[in-house]
């Protein structure tokens, strides 16, 4: 069983890398099984973070929404989208040496292969206009929107892998400040900051190999992104355009349990302390929307790049390579 399947399932439900020493907990006969699981976490966490975060904080939106309607009811926008990253996923093919001593480290670092993997993630976002801003000729400045998000991951119990979230729902939030509110002649321009979070989830998989069975659990994956954006938008009757730039920071933590059961001999188990991954990447994107009264149909294309993603093993596709992503969604608002 390849870890690619786990990455794609997790995401759908809700060159060489920088050098790194072997994880000190990955020792003994099961060391390679442990180290490959550790590297998988560091390799995939930023890709899942990009799929969770996407581009614009609100589809097709540049500046603020415009505050309260009639002084009482917030203007709002609700969008449902699917983000998809053009990613890669490492295979999971550990070696096992029953003759290795209890303190034997994993094999020397080597280049491992990856498979192309589209990493999708659904998202629901809500924006509420709470302050119109200061009026100027043709526009307002300093308007404020409150931003909310939700992510959902269900339980899955298959023959070859399992997905077990602690809670199925996780929520995030943020704020947008309008630099210019969009009007007939003025584009919308805004700055936003958003924190998104996935439900804490454990992934488990197993591989049957000649002479042994290897099982790996990536325990209590806790992943959140912190992203700022500067965006500009303009509605052009039937169509609208928006574009922006920003930075994503993906913070993730987990621990690894690797177990190897040989056909002959005793079971070897390794448990690591908590592992952390912190990666910052620049994000560039553009939206194209079709305006249908209170509904917009929106498509997005974007790119993330940069950051330092270190693994012990290297890969044919570097973990820090630039990643193209896209989104399709529908937005409703008043």
Foldseek 3Di string as FASTA:
>chain_A
DWCLVVQQQQLVFLVWADADDFAQLQFDQQNQLQQVVVLQCLLRLVVSQCQQPPDDLAAQDAFAPAAADVVPHWWKKKKKKKKKWFGKGFTRDGGGDNPGDRGHHGDAAAAGEIDTHIRMHIKMKMKTWHARAPDDVQWHFFTKIKMKIKTFGDWDDDPFKTKDFPDGMDMKIWMKTWGTDDGPPDKTKIKIKIKAWGGFMKMKGWDDDVFKIKIKIWHRKTKMKIKMKIKIKYADVFKIKMWIKIKIKMKIKTKMWMWMGGPDDHIDITIGDMDIHIWMWIKIKMKMWGDDDQKIKIKMKMKIADTRRYGNHIYPDYSRHMMIMMMTMMMGID
